[in-house]
Protein backbone atom coordinates (compact mmCIF):
# COMPACT_ATOMS: atom_id res chain seq x y z
CA MET A 1 -45.28 -10.25 -142.49
CA ALA A 2 -45.18 -6.36 -143.45
CA MET A 3 -48.77 -5.26 -144.02
CA ARG A 4 -48.72 -1.91 -145.76
CA ASP A 5 -51.40 0.76 -145.18
CA LEU A 6 -53.95 1.04 -147.76
CA ARG A 7 -54.57 4.24 -149.63
CA TYR A 8 -57.87 5.43 -150.27
CA PHE A 9 -59.99 6.69 -153.34
CA GLY A 10 -59.12 11.09 -153.80
CA ASP A 11 -55.64 10.29 -153.08
CA PRO A 12 -53.82 11.45 -156.13
CA VAL A 13 -51.39 8.20 -155.91
CA LEU A 14 -54.44 6.26 -157.41
CA LYS A 15 -54.95 8.33 -160.32
CA THR A 16 -51.39 8.92 -161.03
CA PRO A 17 -50.19 6.20 -163.87
CA CYS A 18 -47.08 4.10 -162.38
CA ASP A 19 -43.42 4.06 -163.35
CA PRO A 20 -42.28 0.94 -164.64
CA VAL A 21 -39.49 -0.60 -162.60
CA THR A 22 -35.96 -0.51 -163.67
CA ARG A 23 -33.96 -1.73 -161.32
CA PHE A 24 -33.99 -4.72 -159.85
CA ASP A 25 -32.82 -4.46 -155.84
CA ARG A 26 -33.69 -5.08 -152.65
CA ALA A 27 -36.26 -2.08 -152.54
CA VAL A 28 -38.31 -4.04 -155.59
CA GLU A 29 -38.10 -7.19 -153.62
CA GLN A 30 -39.13 -5.87 -150.35
CA LEU A 31 -42.27 -4.03 -152.63
CA VAL A 32 -43.11 -7.45 -153.47
CA THR A 33 -42.79 -8.85 -149.97
CA ASP A 34 -44.57 -5.93 -148.52
CA LEU A 35 -47.56 -6.63 -151.64
CA LEU A 36 -47.31 -10.52 -151.20
CA ASP A 37 -47.94 -9.93 -147.50
CA SER A 38 -50.60 -7.27 -147.95
CA VAL A 39 -52.69 -9.09 -150.02
CA LYS A 40 -52.90 -12.52 -147.80
CA PRO A 41 -55.94 -11.62 -145.58
CA ALA A 42 -59.46 -12.86 -146.20
CA GLY A 43 -61.29 -10.97 -148.59
CA ARG A 44 -58.47 -9.83 -150.62
CA ALA A 45 -57.94 -10.78 -154.55
CA GLY A 46 -55.32 -8.28 -155.32
CA LEU A 47 -53.23 -5.20 -154.49
CA ALA A 48 -50.99 -2.69 -157.01
CA ALA A 49 -48.14 -0.55 -155.56
CA PRO A 50 -50.03 2.83 -155.73
CA GLN A 51 -52.67 0.92 -153.35
CA ILE A 52 -49.99 1.81 -150.41
CA GLY A 53 -48.51 4.49 -151.86
CA VAL A 54 -45.67 3.06 -154.47
CA GLY A 55 -45.88 4.50 -157.57
CA LEU A 56 -43.99 1.58 -159.58
CA ARG A 57 -45.83 -1.04 -161.78
CA VAL A 58 -46.20 -3.92 -159.74
CA PHE A 59 -49.33 -5.97 -158.14
CA SER A 60 -49.59 -8.85 -156.43
CA TYR A 61 -52.73 -11.29 -156.45
CA ASP A 62 -54.65 -13.71 -154.43
CA VAL A 63 -57.31 -15.87 -156.18
CA ASP A 64 -58.96 -19.06 -155.77
CA GLY A 65 -55.62 -20.51 -153.93
CA LEU A 66 -53.47 -19.41 -156.62
CA THR A 67 -50.99 -16.31 -155.72
CA GLY A 68 -48.22 -14.22 -157.39
CA TYR A 69 -47.09 -10.99 -158.40
CA VAL A 70 -46.30 -9.39 -161.52
CA ILE A 71 -43.47 -6.34 -162.17
CA ASN A 72 -44.08 -4.14 -165.10
CA PRO A 73 -47.32 -6.07 -166.13
CA GLU A 74 -49.03 -5.52 -169.61
CA ILE A 75 -52.48 -6.90 -170.65
CA VAL A 76 -51.35 -8.88 -173.65
CA GLU A 77 -54.43 -10.73 -174.38
CA LEU A 78 -58.56 -10.11 -173.44
CA SER A 79 -61.57 -12.29 -174.70
CA GLU A 80 -64.14 -11.52 -176.46
CA GLU A 81 -66.66 -12.67 -174.35
CA THR A 82 -67.27 -10.32 -171.38
CA HIS A 83 -69.76 -10.23 -168.14
CA GLU A 84 -70.71 -7.70 -166.00
CA ILE A 85 -69.88 -8.75 -162.66
CA GLY A 86 -70.13 -7.34 -159.25
CA GLU A 87 -66.65 -5.23 -158.54
CA GLY A 88 -65.22 -3.82 -155.29
CA CYS A 89 -62.18 -2.36 -154.72
CA LEU A 90 -59.61 -1.96 -151.55
CA SER A 91 -59.34 1.41 -152.01
CA VAL A 92 -62.44 2.12 -152.21
CA PRO A 93 -63.85 -0.17 -149.07
CA GLU A 94 -67.78 -0.95 -148.67
CA LEU A 95 -69.13 -0.15 -152.28
CA ARG A 96 -69.26 -2.47 -155.07
CA PHE A 97 -70.41 -1.75 -158.56
CA PRO A 98 -71.24 -3.62 -161.87
CA VAL A 99 -67.98 -3.47 -164.53
CA VAL A 100 -68.18 -5.17 -167.55
CA ARG A 101 -64.56 -7.24 -167.78
CA ALA A 102 -63.50 -9.82 -170.21
CA LYS A 103 -63.78 -13.13 -168.92
CA ARG A 104 -60.04 -14.18 -169.85
CA ALA A 105 -56.94 -12.09 -169.61
CA VAL A 106 -53.32 -12.56 -170.27
CA VAL A 107 -50.80 -10.28 -168.45
CA ARG A 108 -47.05 -10.33 -169.17
CA GLY A 109 -44.81 -9.02 -167.12
CA VAL A 110 -41.33 -9.99 -165.10
CA ASP A 111 -40.41 -11.68 -161.86
CA ILE A 112 -37.89 -9.83 -159.25
CA ARG A 113 -35.16 -11.32 -161.44
CA ASN A 114 -36.19 -9.55 -164.56
CA GLU A 115 -37.04 -12.84 -165.98
CA PRO A 116 -40.61 -13.12 -168.09
CA VAL A 117 -44.02 -14.11 -166.31
CA VAL A 118 -47.16 -14.62 -168.28
CA VAL A 119 -50.27 -15.39 -166.46
CA GLU A 120 -53.63 -16.38 -167.55
CA GLY A 121 -56.81 -15.74 -165.63
CA LYS A 122 -60.61 -17.02 -166.60
CA ASP A 123 -63.55 -15.05 -164.27
CA VAL A 124 -62.06 -14.03 -161.27
CA LEU A 125 -58.70 -13.89 -162.07
CA ALA A 126 -59.40 -12.56 -165.20
CA GLN A 127 -61.26 -9.78 -163.53
CA CYS A 128 -58.16 -9.42 -160.60
CA LEU A 129 -55.18 -9.12 -163.58
CA GLN A 130 -57.72 -6.31 -165.22
CA HIS A 131 -58.23 -4.34 -161.89
CA GLU A 132 -55.03 -4.27 -160.85
CA THR A 133 -53.50 -3.82 -163.90
CA ASP A 134 -56.23 -0.69 -164.21
CA HIS A 135 -54.37 0.75 -160.60
CA LEU A 136 -51.02 0.54 -162.41
CA ASP A 137 -52.65 3.00 -165.34
CA GLY A 138 -53.89 5.37 -162.85
CA MET A 139 -57.43 3.94 -163.36
CA LEU A 140 -60.14 2.95 -160.62
CA TYR A 141 -62.76 0.47 -161.00
CA LEU A 142 -65.39 3.47 -160.76
CA ASP A 143 -63.50 4.93 -164.07
CA ARG A 144 -65.37 2.27 -166.07
CA LEU A 145 -68.82 2.87 -164.86
CA ALA A 146 -72.00 4.24 -167.10
CA LYS A 147 -72.13 8.05 -166.39
CA ASP A 148 -75.09 7.79 -163.68
CA ARG A 149 -73.43 4.86 -162.15
CA LYS A 150 -70.17 6.90 -161.38
CA ARG A 151 -72.34 9.63 -160.35
CA GLU A 152 -73.37 7.22 -157.71
CA ALA A 153 -70.60 5.65 -156.42
CA LEU A 154 -68.65 9.36 -156.07
CA SER A 155 -71.59 10.44 -154.20
CA GLU A 156 -71.53 7.37 -151.72
CA ALA A 157 -67.51 7.56 -151.66
CA ARG A 158 -68.05 10.87 -150.25
CA LYS A 159 -70.05 9.85 -147.35
CA HIS A 160 -67.19 7.47 -145.87
CA ASP A 161 -64.93 8.24 -143.61
CA TRP A 162 -62.22 6.44 -145.50
CA PHE A 163 -62.35 9.09 -148.25
CA TRP A 164 -59.27 10.84 -148.92
CA ARG A 165 -59.76 14.60 -148.57
CA ARG A 166 -56.99 17.39 -148.94
């Protein structure tokens, strides 16, 4: 089991859009394995490659007994029905804020053999798919907060030891 160290809010890798995977080789297989291993501990629903310092479009998920990964994911469908749901992030530990998310999401991408993959999720899985895809676009859930909530979240984040400082 290869648990990878996490990157935390403030680390530039988390705000940088990821490159698509173009070579489906042993390195990508290892990345997928590491993401799957690193999402397993209790309390984790998803993990994107930049959260372990890798700027490639890959994420893993483990929600309600459904575990998997997607390479080069793109959200292809979001329900019009939304809800405001408490959200947290492994890269912004100890903090939770309400975020508006679609109740249903569909992500399309590929697997390690470059074969098509489609993942459809409702509720928590839909939230996870949206959250992890945001990571790959260089976006944290904090970026989706209303201005006053975002200011509060940033202030709280800076108080923690895990906050990345240059």
